[in-house]
Amino acid sequence: MNNLNKLKILVASALLSSTAVYANDCIDDEATNCGVIITGSQTIDIDSDITTLNKRGVNIFQKGEVILSIDGNITTDSNITSAAGITIDGSAATNNVINMIGNILTISRGGAEQLHGIRLTSGASNNTVNVRGNVSTSGNVSSGIIMFNGNSNNNVTLTGDINLTGTAQSYGVRLYGSPGNVSKDNVVTVNGDINTVNHSIYVSTDVTDNNVVVNGDIQSSKSAIIFQGDEVTKNVITVNGNVSTTATSSSTISFGSSSDNEVIIVGNVTQSAVKPAIEFGHQGAPTSHNHTLSVSGTITSAGTGVSFVNTDLNKLSVTGGIESATNTAIYANETSDYNTVYLDRSSEIEGRIYNKGHFSDLKNYGNIDGTVNGAASSLDIINSGTITNLYNNQGAATSDPLTLTGNLPTNYY
């Protein structure tokens, strides 16, 4: 190796000459063998940067029991597809451990796509990836962290931020499978923020029992959190920060046509466009049902606060309140059944509740103000559907009693 090489590799499990590790530098546009390709079980220590041209930074393919430590950055500059920073690929790629101190950067040239930061694919299972740094990607269909096609029991932790730029189709964290290849029981933790021009967290197609935790804020130009697909079930997403969307035609949080998923937001939810901040179900789509959403902060929307459309058996809990610029805090259409809403004692609801469907329980212990933006009347709830149980403590908590028009609830407490 000449003095242009940047990699120092210490192989603890075997002599370098007996392994299949390649770590040549990309020193010109004609270089073809770049990055670190691992095809044997071994322990590797890299104490400098990895820079590649048109190749993956680190690629573990169909091998297990690899322990890889990296103290440096990974930069992938590519004009070809799928040149990810770190890739673990294949059903035999199991029980690998990657510990990295540094940033991951992918640079798209010539329209190159799928330049993911961290990529686990094709049945990779029981792997651990820890990155103490940021992930920044560019290029269409790119992701900060992506797991797809039947991965299970993997654990990926990123200490820094995910930043995606320069494309209208990008994903901060993306989980999906395929028929017969369910992605399940994976854990993704991002301790920083997620900033993307598309979707921040996207869960779709044969995905179940996964757990995503974000300990920072989420900002996207489309849906910040979206579930999409009948077979997307039993996933839990926790955001210990704020969630917002800007200049978007999509809801901030959308449960799509999925079922039995849970979202926990320990901050505020903000929607800047005239769309629902939170959307349970879609018109004309298969029924969305049995989701649980809790928001500790305030839901603020230039449109409807929370929408129930073609959905049933969902549970919504709001502590901070709902602020709707269009005077519709909560809306439920005729195809929404047996949903439950809990408004905490500290909540302030600015906007009305319009119900054309069926609420099993509507529990209001806060203050509903139906006169936002100069509304002509002070109606708080307009009910042309059914409310089985209406719990109300508003009169005791404030000087503004609850007002309702239309069908009376079956039970009023």
Protein backbone atom coordinates (compact mmCIF):
# COMPACT_ATOMS: atom_id res chain seq x y z
CA MET A 1 0.00 0.00 0.00
CA ASN A 2 1.27 3.50 -0.80
CA ASN A 3 1.13 6.49 1.48
CA LEU A 4 -2.20 7.60 0.04
CA ASN A 5 -3.93 4.77 1.85
CA LYS A 6 -6.03 5.87 4.82
CA LEU A 7 -6.94 2.58 6.44
CA LYS A 8 -5.17 0.78 9.20
CA ILE A 9 -6.64 -2.66 9.78
CA LEU A 10 -5.69 -4.84 12.71
CA VAL A 11 -7.05 -8.36 12.38
CA ALA A 12 -7.21 -10.08 15.76
CA SER A 13 -8.83 -13.32 14.72
CA ALA A 14 -6.63 -14.19 11.78
CA LEU A 15 -3.69 -12.95 9.74
CA LEU A 16 -4.62 -10.34 7.16
CA SER A 17 -3.28 -12.55 4.39
CA SER A 18 -5.80 -15.27 5.27
CA THR A 19 -8.86 -13.01 5.25
CA ALA A 20 -11.02 -11.58 2.53
CA VAL A 21 -10.77 -7.97 3.65
CA TYR A 22 -10.03 -5.34 1.02
CA ALA A 23 -9.30 -1.76 1.98
CA ASN A 24 -7.78 -0.01 -1.00
CA ASP A 25 -8.26 3.71 -1.35
CA CYS A 26 -10.22 5.27 -4.19
CA ILE A 27 -7.46 7.47 -5.56
CA ASP A 28 -8.95 8.22 -9.00
CA ASP A 29 -12.08 7.79 -11.10
CA GLU A 30 -10.89 4.40 -12.38
CA ALA A 31 -10.62 2.79 -8.94
CA THR A 32 -12.81 -0.31 -8.59
CA ASN A 33 -11.85 -1.87 -5.25
CA CYS A 34 -12.86 0.61 -2.59
CA GLY A 35 -14.00 0.51 0.97
CA VAL A 36 -14.02 -2.54 3.22
CA ILE A 37 -15.56 -5.78 1.92
CA ILE A 38 -15.80 -8.48 4.59
CA THR A 39 -16.41 -12.10 3.61
CA GLY A 40 -14.97 -13.89 6.63
CA SER A 41 -15.64 -14.03 10.37
CA GLN A 42 -13.03 -11.88 12.07
CA THR A 43 -12.26 -8.93 14.33
CA ILE A 44 -11.22 -5.73 12.57
CA ASP A 45 -10.09 -2.38 13.95
CA ILE A 46 -10.00 0.62 11.61
CA ASP A 47 -8.61 3.81 13.13
CA SER A 48 -8.99 6.28 10.26
CA ASP A 49 -11.44 7.51 7.63
CA ILE A 50 -12.97 5.38 4.88
CA THR A 51 -13.53 7.21 1.60
CA THR A 52 -15.01 5.41 -1.41
CA LEU A 53 -15.83 6.22 -5.01
CA ASN A 54 -18.75 4.35 -6.58
CA LYS A 55 -18.58 1.63 -3.91
CA ARG A 56 -20.02 0.88 -0.49
CA GLY A 57 -18.06 2.07 2.50
CA VAL A 58 -18.36 -1.13 4.57
CA ASN A 59 -20.02 -4.26 3.21
CA ILE A 60 -20.62 -7.42 5.26
CA PHE A 61 -22.11 -9.92 2.84
CA GLN A 62 -23.46 -13.31 3.93
CA LYS A 63 -21.06 -13.56 6.88
CA GLY A 64 -21.56 -13.59 10.64
CA GLU A 65 -19.59 -13.18 13.85
CA VAL A 66 -17.72 -10.12 12.56
CA ILE A 67 -16.63 -7.54 15.13
CA LEU A 68 -15.75 -4.26 13.43
CA SER A 69 -14.56 -1.08 15.16
CA ILE A 70 -14.20 2.16 13.19
CA ASP A 71 -12.68 5.36 14.55
CA GLY A 72 -13.19 7.72 11.65
CA ASN A 73 -15.71 8.92 9.09
CA ILE A 74 -17.24 7.05 6.16
CA THR A 75 -17.75 9.07 2.96
CA THR A 76 -19.33 7.43 -0.09
CA ASP A 77 -19.22 9.44 -3.32
CA SER A 78 -21.11 7.62 -6.03
CA ASN A 79 -22.81 7.83 -9.40
CA ILE A 80 -24.14 4.26 -9.12
CA THR A 81 -27.05 2.83 -7.13
CA SER A 82 -26.91 1.39 -3.60
CA ALA A 83 -23.49 2.65 -2.55
CA ALA A 84 -24.40 2.80 1.15
CA GLY A 85 -22.11 3.83 4.00
CA ILE A 86 -22.59 0.58 5.97
CA THR A 87 -24.30 -2.51 4.51
CA ILE A 88 -25.09 -5.84 6.20
CA ASP A 89 -26.55 -8.12 3.57
CA GLY A 90 -27.97 -11.64 3.43
CA SER A 91 -29.62 -14.31 5.56
CA ALA A 92 -26.20 -15.60 6.66
CA ALA A 93 -25.18 -12.11 7.84
CA THR A 94 -25.94 -12.71 11.52
CA ASN A 95 -24.47 -11.77 14.90
CA ASN A 96 -22.22 -9.05 13.52
CA VAL A 97 -21.23 -6.06 15.66
CA ILE A 98 -20.18 -2.67 14.27
CA ASN A 99 -19.05 0.10 16.63
CA MET A 100 -18.22 3.39 14.93
CA ILE A 101 -17.09 6.80 16.17
CA GLY A 102 -17.54 9.18 13.27
CA ASN A 103 -19.99 10.49 10.68
CA ILE A 104 -21.48 8.79 7.63
CA LEU A 105 -21.90 10.87 4.47
CA THR A 106 -23.24 9.77 1.08
CA ILE A 107 -22.83 12.01 -1.95
CA SER A 108 -25.01 11.41 -5.02
CA ARG A 109 -23.59 12.25 -8.42
CA GLY A 110 -25.31 11.92 -11.78
CA GLY A 111 -28.68 11.09 -10.24
CA ALA A 112 -27.45 8.04 -8.30
CA GLU A 113 -30.18 6.62 -6.05
CA GLN A 114 -30.51 4.57 -2.84
CA LEU A 115 -27.40 5.97 -1.18
CA HIS A 116 -28.35 4.88 2.33
CA GLY A 117 -26.39 5.66 5.48
CA ILE A 118 -26.91 2.33 7.27
CA ARG A 119 -28.50 -0.52 5.31
CA LEU A 120 -29.56 -3.98 6.52
CA THR A 121 -31.17 -6.20 3.91
CA SER A 122 -32.19 -9.66 2.65
CA GLY A 123 -32.68 -11.47 5.93
CA ALA A 124 -29.81 -10.04 7.99
CA SER A 125 -30.58 -10.82 11.63
CA ASN A 126 -29.26 -10.43 15.18
CA ASN A 127 -26.81 -7.69 14.19
CA THR A 128 -25.78 -4.66 16.27
CA VAL A 129 -24.71 -1.32 14.80
CA ASN A 130 -23.69 1.61 17.02
CA VAL A 131 -22.68 4.89 15.38
CA ARG A 132 -21.55 7.84 17.48
CA GLY A 133 -21.95 10.54 14.88
CA ASN A 134 -24.33 11.93 12.26
CA VAL A 135 -25.74 10.35 9.11
CA SER A 136 -26.21 12.59 6.06
CA THR A 137 -27.48 11.27 2.74
CA SER A 138 -28.47 12.61 -0.67
CA GLY A 139 -29.98 11.14 -3.80
CA ASN A 140 -33.47 9.89 -4.60
CA VAL A 141 -34.92 6.98 -2.55
CA SER A 142 -32.22 7.44 0.06
CA SER A 143 -32.51 6.62 3.77
CA GLY A 144 -30.55 7.44 6.88
CA ILE A 145 -31.28 3.98 8.31
CA ILE A 146 -33.05 1.30 6.29
CA MET A 147 -34.06 -2.30 7.03
CA PHE A 148 -35.90 -4.32 4.41
CA ASN A 149 -36.69 -7.78 3.06
CA GLY A 150 -37.02 -9.97 6.11
CA ASN A 151 -34.58 -8.60 8.68
CA SER A 152 -35.16 -9.54 12.31
CA ASN A 153 -33.78 -8.88 15.80
CA ASN A 154 -31.34 -6.20 14.68
CA ASN A 155 -30.39 -3.26 16.90
CA VAL A 156 -29.21 0.02 15.34
CA THR A 157 -28.31 3.02 17.51
CA LEU A 158 -27.31 6.43 16.16
CA THR A 159 -26.09 9.02 18.67
CA GLY A 160 -26.23 11.96 16.26
CA ASP A 161 -28.67 13.40 13.70
CA ILE A 162 -30.08 12.15 10.41
CA ASN A 163 -30.06 14.78 7.66
CA LEU A 164 -31.40 14.11 4.16
CA THR A 165 -31.16 16.69 1.40
CA GLY A 166 -31.55 17.19 -2.32
CA THR A 167 -34.38 14.79 -3.12
CA ALA A 168 -38.16 14.69 -2.95
CA GLN A 169 -38.16 11.01 -1.95
CA SER A 170 -36.04 10.34 1.12
CA TYR A 171 -36.55 8.63 4.46
CA GLY A 172 -34.96 9.20 7.85
CA VAL A 173 -35.75 5.70 9.13
CA ARG A 174 -37.41 3.24 6.76
CA LEU A 175 -38.62 -0.26 7.62
CA TYR A 176 -40.26 -2.60 5.16
CA GLY A 177 -40.38 -6.22 4.09
CA SER A 178 -41.95 -8.23 1.31
CA PRO A 179 -44.44 -11.11 1.11
CA GLY A 180 -42.83 -14.05 2.89
CA ASN A 181 -39.99 -11.85 4.15
CA VAL A 182 -41.39 -10.01 7.15
CA SER A 183 -39.13 -7.46 8.87
CA LYS A 184 -39.77 -7.87 12.58
CA ASP A 185 -38.47 -7.39 16.11
CA ASN A 186 -35.90 -4.76 15.13
CA VAL A 187 -34.96 -1.79 17.34
CA VAL A 188 -33.81 1.55 15.91
CA THR A 189 -32.74 4.37 18.24
CA VAL A 190 -31.83 7.89 17.08
CA ASN A 191 -30.58 10.08 19.91
CA GLY A 192 -30.45 13.22 17.76
CA ASP A 193 -32.85 14.92 15.32
CA ILE A 194 -34.26 13.73 12.00
CA ASN A 195 -34.47 16.33 9.21
CA THR A 196 -35.72 15.21 5.81
CA VAL A 197 -37.35 16.56 2.65
CA ASN A 198 -39.74 13.61 2.53
CA HIS A 199 -40.76 11.15 5.29
CA SER A 200 -38.93 11.02 8.62
CA ILE A 201 -40.13 7.57 9.75
CA TYR A 202 -41.75 5.30 7.17
CA VAL A 203 -43.07 1.84 8.08
CA SER A 204 -44.63 -0.16 5.26
CA THR A 205 -45.21 -3.64 3.77
CA ASP A 206 -44.84 -6.75 5.93
CA VAL A 207 -43.43 -5.06 9.02
CA THR A 208 -44.38 -6.11 12.54
CA ASP A 209 -43.25 -5.80 16.17
CA ASN A 210 -40.52 -3.23 15.52
CA ASN A 211 -39.53 -0.43 17.89
CA VAL A 212 -38.29 3.01 16.81
CA VAL A 213 -37.16 5.60 19.38
CA VAL A 214 -36.16 9.18 18.53
CA ASN A 215 -34.83 11.24 21.43
CA GLY A 216 -34.66 14.48 19.45
CA ASP A 217 -36.99 16.43 17.17
CA ILE A 218 -38.43 15.32 13.83
CA GLN A 219 -38.95 17.66 10.90
CA SER A 220 -40.07 16.70 7.40
CA SER A 221 -41.67 18.24 4.32
CA LYS A 222 -44.15 15.35 4.03
CA SER A 223 -45.42 12.97 6.69
CA ALA A 224 -43.13 12.86 9.69
CA ILE A 225 -44.44 9.44 10.73
CA ILE A 226 -46.38 7.18 8.38
CA PHE A 227 -47.64 3.59 8.47
CA GLN A 228 -48.76 2.18 5.14
CA GLY A 229 -50.07 -1.31 4.37
CA ASP A 230 -52.57 -3.84 5.75
CA GLU A 231 -49.78 -6.09 6.99
CA VAL A 232 -48.05 -3.35 9.02
CA THR A 233 -48.88 -4.25 12.63
CA LYS A 234 -47.75 -3.99 16.24
CA ASN A 235 -44.99 -1.45 15.71
CA VAL A 236 -44.17 1.16 18.38
CA ILE A 237 -42.69 4.60 17.63
CA THR A 238 -41.64 6.91 20.47
CA VAL A 239 -40.50 10.50 19.92
CA ASN A 240 -39.12 12.29 22.96
CA GLY A 241 -39.22 15.63 21.20
CA ASN A 242 -41.33 17.67 18.78
CA VAL A 243 -42.75 16.49 15.45
CA SER A 244 -43.46 18.92 12.60
CA THR A 245 -44.05 19.13 8.87
CA THR A 246 -43.63 22.09 6.52
CA ALA A 247 -44.89 22.83 2.98
CA THR A 248 -46.52 19.44 2.74
CA SER A 249 -49.57 17.83 1.18
CA SER A 250 -49.53 15.03 3.76
CA SER A 251 -50.50 14.70 7.41
CA THR A 252 -47.81 14.98 10.05
CA ILE A 253 -48.68 11.55 11.47
CA SER A 254 -50.62 9.08 9.32
CA PHE A 255 -51.66 5.54 10.23
CA GLY A 256 -52.67 4.68 6.67
CA SER A 257 -54.35 1.30 6.22
CA SER A 258 -52.31 -0.44 8.94
CA SER A 259 -53.46 -1.85 12.29
CA ASP A 260 -52.45 -2.25 15.96
CA ASN A 261 -49.60 0.27 15.95
CA GLU A 262 -48.66 2.69 18.74
CA VAL A 263 -47.15 6.19 18.61
CA ILE A 264 -45.98 8.11 21.69
CA ILE A 265 -45.09 11.80 21.28
CA VAL A 266 -43.59 13.51 24.33
CA GLY A 267 -43.58 16.92 22.62
CA ASN A 268 -45.70 18.94 20.21
CA VAL A 269 -47.15 17.94 16.83
CA THR A 270 -47.29 20.72 14.20
CA GLN A 271 -48.82 20.76 10.71
CA SER A 272 -48.12 23.88 8.62
CA ALA A 273 -50.36 23.04 5.64
CA VAL A 274 -54.16 22.76 5.48
CA LYS A 275 -54.10 19.04 6.22
CA PRO A 276 -54.87 17.10 9.41
CA ALA A 277 -51.96 17.07 11.81
CA ILE A 278 -52.90 13.48 12.70
CA GLU A 279 -54.79 11.16 10.39
CA PHE A 280 -56.32 7.83 11.35
CA GLY A 281 -57.22 6.09 8.07
CA HIS A 282 -57.79 7.27 4.48
CA GLN A 283 -60.88 7.70 2.37
CA GLY A 284 -61.19 4.82 -0.13
CA ALA A 285 -58.37 2.81 1.52
CA PRO A 286 -58.73 -0.43 3.54
CA THR A 287 -59.87 0.17 7.10
CA SER A 288 -57.27 1.40 9.56
CA HIS A 289 -57.91 0.22 13.07
CA ASN A 290 -56.83 -0.39 16.65
CA HIS A 291 -54.05 2.19 16.87
CA THR A 292 -52.96 4.02 20.01
CA LEU A 293 -51.61 7.58 19.95
CA SER A 294 -50.63 9.74 22.91
CA VAL A 295 -49.41 13.34 22.64
CA SER A 296 -48.03 15.03 25.75
CA GLY A 297 -47.71 18.42 24.08
CA THR A 298 -50.00 20.44 21.82
CA ILE A 299 -51.32 19.47 18.37
CA THR A 300 -51.26 22.55 16.13
CA SER A 301 -52.58 22.54 12.57
CA ALA A 302 -53.37 25.00 9.80
CA GLY A 303 -56.10 22.48 8.97
CA THR A 304 -57.91 19.87 11.04
CA GLY A 305 -56.20 18.81 14.25
CA VAL A 306 -57.12 15.10 14.23
CA SER A 307 -59.04 13.23 11.54
CA PHE A 308 -60.79 9.83 11.78
CA VAL A 309 -61.70 8.56 8.28
CA ASN A 310 -62.55 4.93 7.49
CA THR A 311 -61.09 3.78 10.76
CA ASP A 312 -62.20 2.12 13.97
CA LEU A 313 -61.17 1.04 17.48
CA ASN A 314 -58.45 3.70 17.83
CA LYS A 315 -57.39 5.42 21.06
CA LEU A 316 -56.24 9.04 21.15
CA SER A 317 -54.91 10.76 24.29
CA VAL A 318 -53.94 14.45 24.31
CA THR A 319 -52.42 16.27 27.29
CA GLY A 320 -51.38 19.67 25.97
CA GLY A 321 -54.28 20.50 23.69
CA ILE A 322 -55.35 20.97 20.06
CA GLU A 323 -55.17 24.23 18.09
CA SER A 324 -56.93 24.25 14.71
CA ALA A 325 -56.80 27.30 12.43
CA THR A 326 -59.89 26.01 10.56
CA ASN A 327 -61.96 25.61 13.72
CA THR A 328 -61.99 21.79 13.46
CA ALA A 329 -60.06 20.26 16.33
CA ILE A 330 -61.34 16.70 15.76
CA TYR A 331 -63.29 15.31 12.81
CA ALA A 332 -64.78 11.81 12.37
CA ASN A 333 -66.61 10.77 9.20
CA GLU A 334 -69.42 8.24 8.71
CA THR A 335 -67.06 5.27 8.30
CA SER A 336 -65.28 5.79 11.62
CA ASP A 337 -66.52 3.56 14.44
CA TYR A 338 -65.81 2.78 18.09
CA ASN A 339 -62.97 5.26 18.54
CA THR A 340 -61.96 6.66 21.92
CA VAL A 341 -60.66 10.18 22.66
CA TYR A 342 -59.24 11.34 26.01
CA LEU A 343 -58.58 15.05 26.55
CA ASP A 344 -56.57 15.63 29.72
CA ARG A 345 -57.56 18.13 32.40
CA SER A 346 -54.69 20.43 31.35
CA SER A 347 -55.66 20.40 27.67
CA GLU A 348 -56.94 23.46 25.81
CA ILE A 349 -58.95 22.62 22.68
CA GLU A 350 -59.28 25.50 20.21
CA GLY A 351 -61.79 24.28 17.63
CA ARG A 352 -64.87 22.10 17.48
CA ILE A 353 -65.41 18.37 17.49
CA TYR A 354 -67.41 17.22 14.45
CA ASN A 355 -68.67 13.65 14.71
CA LYS A 356 -70.51 11.86 11.90
CA GLY A 357 -69.31 8.42 12.98
CA HIS A 358 -69.33 6.60 16.30
CA PHE A 359 -67.27 7.44 19.36
CA SER A 360 -67.37 4.76 22.04
CA ASP A 361 -65.93 7.19 24.57
CA LEU A 362 -65.34 10.91 24.33
CA LYS A 363 -63.66 11.91 27.57
CA ASN A 364 -63.20 15.66 27.97
CA TYR A 365 -61.56 16.90 31.16
CA GLY A 366 -60.03 20.02 29.64
CA ASN A 367 -61.49 23.12 28.00
CA ILE A 368 -63.09 23.01 24.53
CA ASP A 369 -63.45 26.43 22.90
CA GLY A 370 -65.57 26.24 19.74
CA THR A 371 -65.30 29.95 18.92
CA VAL A 372 -61.86 29.96 17.29
CA ASN A 373 -61.31 32.57 14.54
CA GLY A 374 -64.58 34.34 15.12
CA ALA A 375 -66.90 31.38 14.67
CA ALA A 376 -70.55 32.44 14.56
CA SER A 377 -71.60 30.34 17.53
CA SER A 378 -70.02 28.81 20.61
CA LEU A 379 -70.84 25.17 19.80
CA ASP A 380 -68.12 22.83 21.02
CA ILE A 381 -69.43 19.46 19.72
CA ILE A 382 -71.52 18.99 16.58
CA ASN A 383 -72.77 15.39 16.62
CA SER A 384 -74.71 13.90 13.73
CA GLY A 385 -73.36 10.45 14.54
CA THR A 386 -73.27 8.46 17.76
CA ILE A 387 -71.46 9.05 21.03
CA THR A 388 -71.98 6.15 23.42
CA ASN A 389 -70.31 7.71 26.44
CA LEU A 390 -69.58 11.44 26.80
CA TYR A 391 -67.56 12.22 29.90
CA ASN A 392 -67.27 15.92 30.65
CA ASN A 393 -65.66 17.78 33.51
CA GLN A 394 -65.31 21.05 31.65
CA GLY A 395 -67.89 22.96 33.70
CA ALA A 396 -66.05 22.17 36.94
CA ALA A 397 -62.63 23.06 35.52
CA THR A 398 -63.56 26.33 33.76
CA SER A 399 -66.27 28.95 33.61
CA ASP A 400 -67.14 27.91 30.05
CA PRO A 401 -69.52 24.93 30.05
CA LEU A 402 -69.56 22.38 27.22
CA THR A 403 -72.08 23.04 24.44
CA LEU A 404 -73.39 20.34 22.10
CA THR A 405 -75.82 20.22 19.19
CA GLY A 406 -77.29 17.32 17.22
CA ASN A 407 -77.69 13.80 18.54
CA LEU A 408 -77.43 13.44 22.29
CA PRO A 409 -74.94 10.90 23.69
CA THR A 410 -76.31 7.60 24.93
CA ASN A 411 -74.72 8.23 28.30
CA TYR A 412 -73.62 11.63 29.59
CA TYR A 413 -71.39 11.81 32.64
